[in-house]
C-alpha atoms as a PDB file:
ATOM      1  CA  UNK A   1     -61.371 -78.398  41.986  1.00  0.00           C
ATOM      2  CA  UNK A   2     -58.130 -76.777  40.777  1.00  0.00           C
ATOM      3  CA  UNK A   3     -56.948 -73.206  40.405  1.00  0.00           C
ATOM      4  CA  UNK A   4     -56.419 -71.991  36.762  1.00  0.00           C
ATOM      5  CA  UNK A   5     -53.392 -69.849  36.373  1.00  0.00           C
ATOM      6  CA  UNK A   6     -51.081 -69.978  33.504  1.00  0.00           C
ATOM      7  CA  UNK A   7     -47.359 -69.360  34.543  1.00  0.00           C
ATOM      8  CA  UNK A   8     -44.524 -69.533  32.142  1.00  0.00           C
ATOM      9  CA  UNK A   9     -45.894 -71.885  29.789  1.00  0.00           C
ATOM     10  CA  UNK A  10     -47.622 -74.176  32.164  1.00  0.00           C
ATOM     11  CA  UNK A  11     -50.930 -74.091  34.189  1.00  0.00           C
ATOM     12  CA  UNK A  12     -51.221 -74.454  37.749  1.00  0.00           C
ATOM     13  CA  UNK A  13     -54.710 -74.911  39.407  1.00  0.00           C
ATOM     14  CA  UNK A  14     -56.556 -71.450  39.267  1.00  0.00           C
ATOM     15  CA  UNK A  15     -58.907 -69.115  37.436  1.00  0.00           C
ATOM     16  CA  UNK A  16     -60.750 -65.594  36.637  1.00  0.00           C
ATOM     17  CA  UNK A  17     -62.949 -63.148  34.391  1.00  0.00           C
ATOM     18  CA  UNK A  18     -64.614 -59.309  33.866  1.00  0.00           C
ATOM     19  CA  UNK A  19     -66.720 -56.744  31.410  1.00  0.00           C
ATOM     20  CA  UNK A  20     -65.274 -54.425  28.601  1.00  0.00           C
ATOM     21  CA  UNK A  21     -66.034 -52.243  25.439  1.00  0.00           C
ATOM     22  CA  UNK A  22     -67.047 -53.588  21.921  1.00  0.00           C
ATOM     23  CA  UNK A  23     -67.710 -57.162  20.355  1.00  0.00           C
ATOM     24  CA  UNK A  24     -64.463 -58.868  19.198  1.00  0.00           C
ATOM     25  CA  UNK A  25     -63.991 -60.812  16.063  1.00  0.00           C
ATOM     26  CA  UNK A  26     -63.366 -64.751  16.426  1.00  0.00           C
ATOM     27  CA  UNK A  27     -59.825 -65.803  16.275  1.00  0.00           C
ATOM     28  CA  UNK A  28     -58.837 -68.145  13.367  1.00  0.00           C
ATOM     29  CA  UNK A  29     -59.094 -71.825  14.313  1.00  0.00           C
ATOM     30  CA  UNK A  30     -60.365 -71.061  17.873  1.00  0.00           C
ATOM     31  CA  UNK A  31     -64.073 -71.518  19.414  1.00  0.00           C
ATOM     32  CA  UNK A  32     -65.684 -68.412  20.635  1.00  0.00           C
ATOM     33  CA  UNK A  33     -65.631 -69.768  24.280  1.00  0.00           C
ATOM     34  CA  UNK A  34     -64.316 -69.295  27.866  1.00  0.00           C
ATOM     35  CA  UNK A  35     -64.910 -72.981  27.796  1.00  0.00           C
ATOM     36  CA  UNK A  36     -68.352 -72.183  26.264  1.00  0.00           C
ATOM     37  CA  UNK A  37     -69.931 -68.692  26.595  1.00  0.00           C
ATOM     38  CA  UNK A  38     -69.066 -65.928  24.123  1.00  0.00           C
ATOM     39  CA  UNK A  39     -67.124 -62.725  23.533  1.00  0.00           C
ATOM     40  CA  UNK A  40     -67.617 -60.052  26.108  1.00  0.00           C
ATOM     41  CA  UNK A  41     -68.730 -56.664  25.121  1.00  0.00           C
ATOM     42  CA  UNK A  42     -68.795 -53.129  26.647  1.00  0.00           C
ATOM     43  CA  UNK A  43     -66.706 -54.033  29.762  1.00  0.00           C
ATOM     44  CA  UNK A  44     -64.143 -51.378  30.604  1.00  0.00           C
ATOM     45  CA  UNK A  45     -63.132 -52.737  34.033  1.00  0.00           C
ATOM     46  CA  UNK A  46     -61.058 -55.725  32.759  1.00  0.00           C
ATOM     47  CA  UNK A  47     -57.361 -55.987  33.293  1.00  0.00           C
ATOM     48  CA  UNK A  48     -55.086 -58.905  31.824  1.00  0.00           C
ATOM     49  CA  UNK A  49     -52.355 -59.926  34.149  1.00  0.00           C
ATOM     50  CA  UNK A  50     -48.850 -60.585  32.838  1.00  0.00           C
ATOM     51  CA  UNK A  51     -45.818 -62.236  34.839  1.00  0.00           C
ATOM     52  CA  UNK A  52     -42.625 -61.282  33.406  1.00  0.00           C
ATOM     53  CA  UNK A  53     -44.289 -60.619  30.155  1.00  0.00           C
ATOM     54  CA  UNK A  54     -46.194 -63.800  29.761  1.00  0.00           C
ATOM     55  CA  UNK A  55     -50.073 -63.891  30.033  1.00  0.00           C
ATOM     56  CA  UNK A  56     -50.945 -65.332  33.374  1.00  0.00           C
ATOM     57  CA  UNK A  57     -54.444 -64.226  34.992  1.00  0.00           C
ATOM     58  CA  UNK A  58     -57.362 -62.164  34.728  1.00  0.00           C
ATOM     59  CA  UNK A  59     -58.244 -58.979  37.024  1.00  0.00           C
ATOM     60  CA  UNK A  60     -60.151 -55.979  37.303  1.00  0.00           C
ATOM     61  CA  UNK A  61     -59.398 -52.276  38.026  1.00  0.00           C
ATOM     62  CA  UNK A  62     -61.188 -50.953  40.987  1.00  0.00           C
ATOM     63  CA  UNK A  63     -59.544 -47.566  41.575  1.00  0.00           C
ATOM     64  CA  UNK A  64     -57.120 -45.289  39.854  1.00  0.00           C
ATOM     65  CA  UNK A  65     -53.977 -47.083  41.013  1.00  0.00           C
ATOM     66  CA  UNK A  66     -55.479 -50.309  42.363  1.00  0.00           C
ATOM     67  CA  UNK A  67     -56.090 -53.831  40.666  1.00  0.00           C
ATOM     68  CA  UNK A  68     -57.995 -56.842  42.158  1.00  0.00           C
ATOM     69  CA  UNK A  69     -57.013 -60.232  41.478  1.00  0.00           C
ATOM     70  CA  UNK A  70     -56.519 -63.645  43.102  1.00  0.00           C
ATOM     71  CA  UNK A  71     -53.791 -64.154  45.663  1.00  0.00           C
ATOM     72  CA  UNK A  72     -52.539 -67.340  43.997  1.00  0.00           C
ATOM     73  CA  UNK A  73     -51.913 -65.240  40.830  1.00  0.00           C
ATOM     74  CA  UNK A  74     -49.286 -63.058  42.539  1.00  0.00           C
ATOM     75  CA  UNK A  75     -47.725 -65.965  44.722  1.00  0.00           C
ATOM     76  CA  UNK A  76     -44.394 -65.973  42.852  1.00  0.00           C
ATOM     77  CA  UNK A  77     -41.604 -63.339  42.396  1.00  0.00           C
ATOM     78  CA  UNK A  78     -41.497 -61.360  39.340  1.00  0.00           C
ATOM     79  CA  UNK A  79     -42.601 -58.268  37.365  1.00  0.00           C
ATOM     80  CA  UNK A  80     -46.479 -57.862  37.354  1.00  0.00           C
ATOM     81  CA  UNK A  81     -47.988 -55.785  34.416  1.00  0.00           C
ATOM     82  CA  UNK A  82     -51.445 -55.229  33.283  1.00  0.00           C
ATOM     83  CA  UNK A  83     -53.274 -54.282  30.211  1.00  0.00           C
ATOM     84  CA  UNK A  84     -56.305 -52.333  31.583  1.00  0.00           C
ATOM     85  CA  UNK A  85     -59.553 -51.409  30.010  1.00  0.00           C
ATOM     86  CA  UNK A  86     -59.186 -53.219  26.783  1.00  0.00           C
ATOM     87  CA  UNK A  87     -61.072 -56.418  25.375  1.00  0.00           C
ATOM     88  CA  UNK A  88     -58.039 -57.355  23.425  1.00  0.00           C
ATOM     89  CA  UNK A  89     -55.060 -58.441  25.787  1.00  0.00           C
ATOM     90  CA  UNK A  90     -52.574 -57.324  22.829  1.00  0.00           C
ATOM     91  CA  UNK A  91     -53.526 -53.792  22.269  1.00  0.00           C
ATOM     92  CA  UNK A  92     -55.633 -50.958  23.382  1.00  0.00           C
ATOM     93  CA  UNK A  93     -56.371 -49.738  27.104  1.00  0.00           C
ATOM     94  CA  UNK A  94     -53.335 -48.784  29.293  1.00  0.00           C
ATOM     95  CA  UNK A  95     -50.236 -50.746  30.094  1.00  0.00           C
ATOM     96  CA  UNK A  96     -49.462 -50.265  33.953  1.00  0.00           C
ATOM     97  CA  UNK A  97     -46.987 -51.764  36.185  1.00  0.00           C
ATOM     98  CA  UNK A  98     -47.388 -53.112  39.783  1.00  0.00           C
ATOM     99  CA  UNK A  99     -45.162 -51.624  42.439  1.00  0.00           C
ATOM    100  CA  UNK A 100     -46.861 -53.110  45.530  1.00  0.00           C
ATOM    101  CA  UNK A 101     -48.952 -56.324  46.355  1.00  0.00           C
ATOM    102  CA  UNK A 102     -51.192 -56.623  49.307  1.00  0.00           C
ATOM    103  CA  UNK A 103     -52.442 -60.326  50.039  1.00  0.00           C
ATOM    104  CA  UNK A 104     -55.275 -61.132  52.089  1.00  0.00           C
ATOM    105  CA  UNK A 105     -54.333 -63.026  55.118  1.00  0.00           C
ATOM    106  CA  UNK A 106     -56.780 -66.050  54.754  1.00  0.00           C
ATOM    107  CA  UNK A 107     -58.874 -65.709  51.336  1.00  0.00           C
ATOM    108  CA  UNK A 108     -57.638 -66.064  47.745  1.00  0.00           C
ATOM    109  CA  UNK A 109     -57.727 -62.340  47.127  1.00  0.00           C
ATOM    110  CA  UNK A 110     -55.004 -59.729  46.400  1.00  0.00           C
ATOM    111  CA  UNK A 111     -54.587 -56.014  45.573  1.00  0.00           C
ATOM    112  CA  UNK A 112     -51.850 -54.791  43.290  1.00  0.00           C
ATOM    113  CA  UNK A 113     -51.019 -51.072  43.503  1.00  0.00           C
ATOM    114  CA  UNK A 114     -49.875 -49.807  40.029  1.00  0.00           C
ATOM    115  CA  UNK A 115     -47.367 -46.808  39.302  1.00  0.00           C
ATOM    116  CA  UNK A 116     -49.581 -45.108  36.770  1.00  0.00           C
ATOM    117  CA  UNK A 117     -53.164 -43.826  37.417  1.00  0.00           C
ATOM    118  CA  UNK A 118     -55.719 -45.697  35.240  1.00  0.00           C
ATOM    119  CA  UNK A 119     -58.773 -44.063  33.556  1.00  0.00           C
ATOM    120  CA  UNK A 120     -62.271 -44.509  34.812  1.00  0.00           C
ATOM    121  CA  UNK A 121     -64.586 -46.366  34.962  1.00  0.00           C
ATOM    122  CA  UNK A 122     -63.762 -48.676  37.655  1.00  0.00           C
ATOM    123  CA  UNK A 123     -65.287 -51.985  38.677  1.00  0.00           C
ATOM    124  CA  UNK A 124     -68.490 -51.386  40.858  1.00  0.00           C
ATOM    125  CA  UNK A 125     -68.290 -53.667  43.859  1.00  0.00           C
ATOM    126  CA  UNK A 126     -70.965 -56.163  45.680  1.00  0.00           C
ATOM    127  CA  UNK A 127     -74.566 -56.767  45.225  1.00  0.00           C
ATOM    128  CA  UNK A 128     -76.829 -59.398  46.976  1.00  0.00           C
ATOM    129  CA  UNK A 129     -76.304 -63.062  45.377  1.00  0.00           C
ATOM    130  CA  UNK A 130     -78.877 -65.814  45.962  1.00  0.00           C
ATOM    131  CA  UNK A 131     -78.768 -69.564  45.290  1.00  0.00           C
ATOM    132  CA  UNK A 132     -80.321 -70.100  41.791  1.00  0.00           C
ATOM    133  CA  UNK A 133     -79.442 -66.777  40.445  1.00  0.00           C
ATOM    134  CA  UNK A 134     -77.654 -66.298  36.991  1.00  0.00           C
ATOM    135  CA  UNK A 135     -74.273 -64.547  37.201  1.00  0.00           C
ATOM    136  CA  UNK A 136     -71.552 -63.700  34.763  1.00  0.00           C
ATOM    137  CA  UNK A 137     -67.761 -64.756  34.606  1.00  0.00           C
ATOM    138  CA  UNK A 138     -65.349 -62.783  32.530  1.00  0.00           C
ATOM    139  CA  UNK A 139     -61.752 -63.743  31.441  1.00  0.00           C
ATOM    140  CA  UNK A 140     -59.015 -64.383  28.947  1.00  0.00           C
ATOM    141  CA  UNK A 141     -58.660 -68.047  29.925  1.00  0.00           C
ATOM    142  CA  UNK A 142     -58.453 -71.232  27.926  1.00  0.00           C
ATOM    143  CA  UNK A 143     -61.035 -72.062  25.258  1.00  0.00           C
ATOM    144  CA  UNK A 144     -60.282 -75.745  24.975  1.00  0.00           C
ATOM    145  CA  UNK A 145     -59.801 -78.961  26.973  1.00  0.00           C
ATOM    146  CA  UNK A 146     -58.125 -81.328  24.390  1.00  0.00           C
ATOM    147  CA  UNK A 147     -54.741 -79.791  24.396  1.00  0.00           C
ATOM    148  CA  UNK A 148     -52.438 -77.815  26.914  1.00  0.00           C
ATOM    149  CA  UNK A 149     -54.584 -74.854  27.902  1.00  0.00           C
ATOM    150  CA  UNK A 150     -51.449 -72.593  27.274  1.00  0.00           C
ATOM    151  CA  UNK A 151     -52.024 -73.222  23.580  1.00  0.00           C
ATOM    152  CA  UNK A 152     -55.858 -71.842  23.467  1.00  0.00           C
ATOM    153  CA  UNK A 153     -55.720 -68.834  25.602  1.00  0.00           C
ATOM    154  CA  UNK A 154     -58.176 -66.249  24.253  1.00  0.00           C
ATOM    155  CA  UNK A 155     -56.910 -63.050  22.852  1.00  0.00           C
ATOM    156  CA  UNK A 156     -60.355 -61.320  23.299  1.00  0.00           C
ATOM    157  CA  UNK A 157     -62.276 -61.102  26.672  1.00  0.00           C
ATOM    158  CA  UNK A 158     -64.879 -63.796  27.020  1.00  0.00           C
ATOM    159  CA  UNK A 159     -68.092 -64.104  29.318  1.00  0.00           C
ATOM    160  CA  UNK A 160     -70.041 -67.221  30.459  1.00  0.00           C
ATOM    161  CA  UNK A 161     -73.492 -67.397  32.327  1.00  0.00           C
ATOM    162  CA  UNK A 162     -73.543 -69.541  35.238  1.00  0.00           C
ATOM    163  CA  UNK A 163     -75.955 -70.284  38.266  1.00  0.00           C
ATOM    164  CA  UNK A 164     -75.310 -69.946  41.912  1.00  0.00           C
ATOM    165  CA  UNK A 165     -75.253 -73.267  43.734  1.00  0.00           C
ATOM    166  CA  UNK A 166     -73.880 -71.966  47.128  1.00  0.00           C
ATOM    167  CA  UNK A 167     -72.970 -68.569  48.675  1.00  0.00           C
ATOM    168  CA  UNK A 168     -70.770 -70.400  51.396  1.00  0.00           C
ATOM    169  CA  UNK A 169     -68.524 -72.525  49.184  1.00  0.00           C
ATOM    170  CA  UNK A 170     -64.550 -72.461  49.752  1.00  0.00           C
ATOM    171  CA  UNK A 171     -61.835 -70.860  47.590  1.00  0.00           C
ATOM    172  CA  UNK A 172     -58.360 -71.984  47.026  1.00  0.00           C
ATOM    173  CA  UNK A 173     -57.258 -70.768  50.543  1.00  0.00           C
ATOM    174  CA  UNK A 174     -60.366 -71.869  52.376  1.00  0.00           C
ATOM    175  CA  UNK A 175     -62.045 -68.598  52.232  1.00  0.00           C
ATOM    176  CA  UNK A 176     -65.799 -67.921  51.633  1.00  0.00           C
ATOM    177  CA  UNK A 177     -66.752 -68.445  47.955  1.00  0.00           C
ATOM    178  CA  UNK A 178     -69.677 -68.142  45.587  1.00  0.00           C
ATOM    179  CA  UNK A 179     -69.939 -71.574  43.942  1.00  0.00           C
ATOM    180  CA  UNK A 180     -71.596 -71.877  40.545  1.00  0.00           C
ATOM    181  CA  UNK A 181     -72.488 -74.347  37.963  1.00  0.00           C
ATOM    182  CA  UNK A 182     -72.224 -73.988  33.994  1.00  0.00           C
ATOM    183  CA  UNK A 183     -75.192 -72.528  32.085  1.00  0.00           C
ATOM    184  CA  UNK A 184     -73.355 -71.865  28.753  1.00  0.00           C
ATOM    185  CA  UNK A 185     -69.777 -71.851  29.924  1.00  0.00           C
ATOM    186  CA  UNK A 186     -67.348 -72.171  32.738  1.00  0.00           C
ATOM    187  CA  UNK A 187     -63.913 -70.687  33.867  1.00  0.00           C
ATOM    188  CA  UNK A 188     -60.697 -72.406  32.885  1.00  0.00           C
ATOM    189  CA  UNK A 189     -56.880 -71.826  33.044  1.00  0.00           C
ATOM    190  CA  UNK A 190     -55.962 -68.183  32.786  1.00  0.00           C
ATOM    191  CA  UNK A 191     -59.463 -66.933  34.075  1.00  0.00           C
ATOM    192  CA  UNK A 192     -58.046 -66.998  37.634  1.00  0.00           C
ATOM    193  CA  UNK A 193     -58.485 -63.501  39.399  1.00  0.00           C
ATOM    194  CA  UNK A 194     -61.178 -62.447  37.029  1.00  0.00           C
ATOM    195  CA  UNK A 195     -64.562 -61.133  38.124  1.00  0.00           C
ATOM    196  CA  UNK A 196     -67.938 -62.645  38.744  1.00  0.00           C
ATOM    197  CA  UNK A 197     -70.607 -60.187  37.976  1.00  0.00           C
ATOM    198  CA  UNK A 198     -74.280 -60.039  39.403  1.00  0.00           C
ATOM    199  CA  UNK A 199     -76.796 -57.318  38.197  1.00  0.00           C
ATOM    200  CA  UNK A 200     -73.873 -55.076  36.800  1.00  0.00           C
ATOM    201  CA  UNK A 201     -71.394 -55.307  40.152  1.00  0.00           C
ATOM    202  CA  UNK A 202     -68.619 -57.505  40.859  1.00  0.00           C
ATOM    203  CA  UNK A 203     -69.486 -60.014  43.544  1.00  0.00           C
ATOM    204  CA  UNK A 204     -66.552 -62.491  43.268  1.00  0.00           C
ATOM    205  CA  UNK A 205     -62.929 -63.137  42.266  1.00  0.00           C
ATOM    206  CA  UNK A 206     -62.073 -66.451  40.432  1.00  0.00           C
ATOM    207  CA  UNK A 207     -60.293 -68.866  42.463  1.00  0.00           C
ATOM    208  CA  UNK A 208     -61.071 -72.600  41.440  1.00  0.00           C
ATOM    209  CA  UNK A 209     -62.730 -74.626  38.913  1.00  0.00           C
ATOM    210  CA  UNK A 210     -63.014 -78.227  37.656  1.00  0.00           C
ATOM    211  CA  UNK A 211     -62.780 -76.706  34.134  1.00  0.00           C
ATOM    212  CA  UNK A 212     -65.869 -78.484  33.119  1.00  0.00           C
ATOM    213  CA  UNK A 213     -69.109 -77.680  35.087  1.00  0.00           C
ATOM    214  CA  UNK A 214     -68.140 -75.952  38.594  1.00  0.00           C
ATOM    215  CA  UNK A 215     -66.385 -73.035  39.634  1.00  0.00           C
ATOM    216  CA  UNK A 216     -65.585 -71.137  42.917  1.00  0.00           C
ATOM    217  CA  UNK A 217     -65.106 -67.351  43.130  1.00  0.00           C
ATOM    218  CA  UNK A 218     -64.145 -65.589  46.420  1.00  0.00           C
ATOM    219  CA  UNK A 219     -67.099 -63.761  47.723  1.00  0.00           C
ATOM    220  CA  UNK A 220     -66.753 -60.060  47.994  1.00  0.00           C
ATOM    221  CA  UNK A 221     -70.053 -60.012  49.839  1.00  0.00           C
ATOM    222  CA  UNK A 222     -68.193 -61.300  52.817  1.00  0.00           C
ATOM    223  CA  UNK A 223     -68.064 -58.361  55.203  1.00  0.00           C
ATOM    224  CA  UNK A 224     -64.483 -58.829  56.237  1.00  0.00           C
ATOM    225  CA  UNK A 225     -63.084 -59.199  52.680  1.00  0.00           C
ATOM    226  CA  UNK A 226     -65.053 -55.988  51.513  1.00  0.00           C
ATOM    227  CA  UNK A 227     -63.613 -54.066  54.577  1.00  0.00           C
ATOM    228  CA  UNK A 228     -60.226 -55.164  53.658  1.00  0.00           C
ATOM    229  CA  UNK A 229     -60.536 -53.774  50.191  1.00  0.00           C
ATOM    230  CA  UNK A 230     -61.987 -50.435  51.476  1.00  0.00           C
ATOM    231  CA  UNK A 231     -59.196 -50.074  54.005  1.00  0.00           C
ATOM    232  CA  UNK A 232     -56.360 -50.999  51.503  1.00  0.00           C
ATOM    233  CA  UNK A 233     -57.655 -49.339  48.361  1.00  0.00           C
ATOM    234  CA  UNK A 234     -60.000 -46.741  49.700  1.00  0.00           C
ATOM    235  CA  UNK A 235     -63.082 -48.012  47.660  1.00  0.00           C
END
């Protein structure tokens, strides 16, 4: 399993996804996929992460000045900016800049404080998840596997249905993860840090994927991880 992050024109192993606000047209020459899946609609929580101006990961806004993503998405030095609350990574929503990063000590989670307050609504957190349940993954990651993934990042937020195979998997840093298998799509490069949703609430953060059939999302149902978010971001 690899992480699905895009950094400076190349992909490391990392991933992510989230919900937004109106169907997007298909891009010329691109398949309407995460890899598989479809375009998202009515998802105002999404945030596209850029490092030094380059598209990199996915994320969610969880409070007026806090964004949730994967730790491996913010592991390098640089300027972190986000387009929050838009389905289109090139326009709409709000452009905000991170001024402080708080990384979890043992899980693939990070919280980024931004300088400007973002508009509501914010991603609602946690719901029970069980093996066999269908959950949704959101992100701006790659839509192809037959060329470098940096060449086929989606302009518009996409969503895929997946099925839970374990609630005690492992993320990139060895933390507890929700493991899923493909139903109509799966996460790929650039989806890192993005959300997994179950029954209308975020339950995971994209960490690793084989970019074909399986992905692992750091579990927000882990009590210590949820308490860490509450203590840091107040939600």
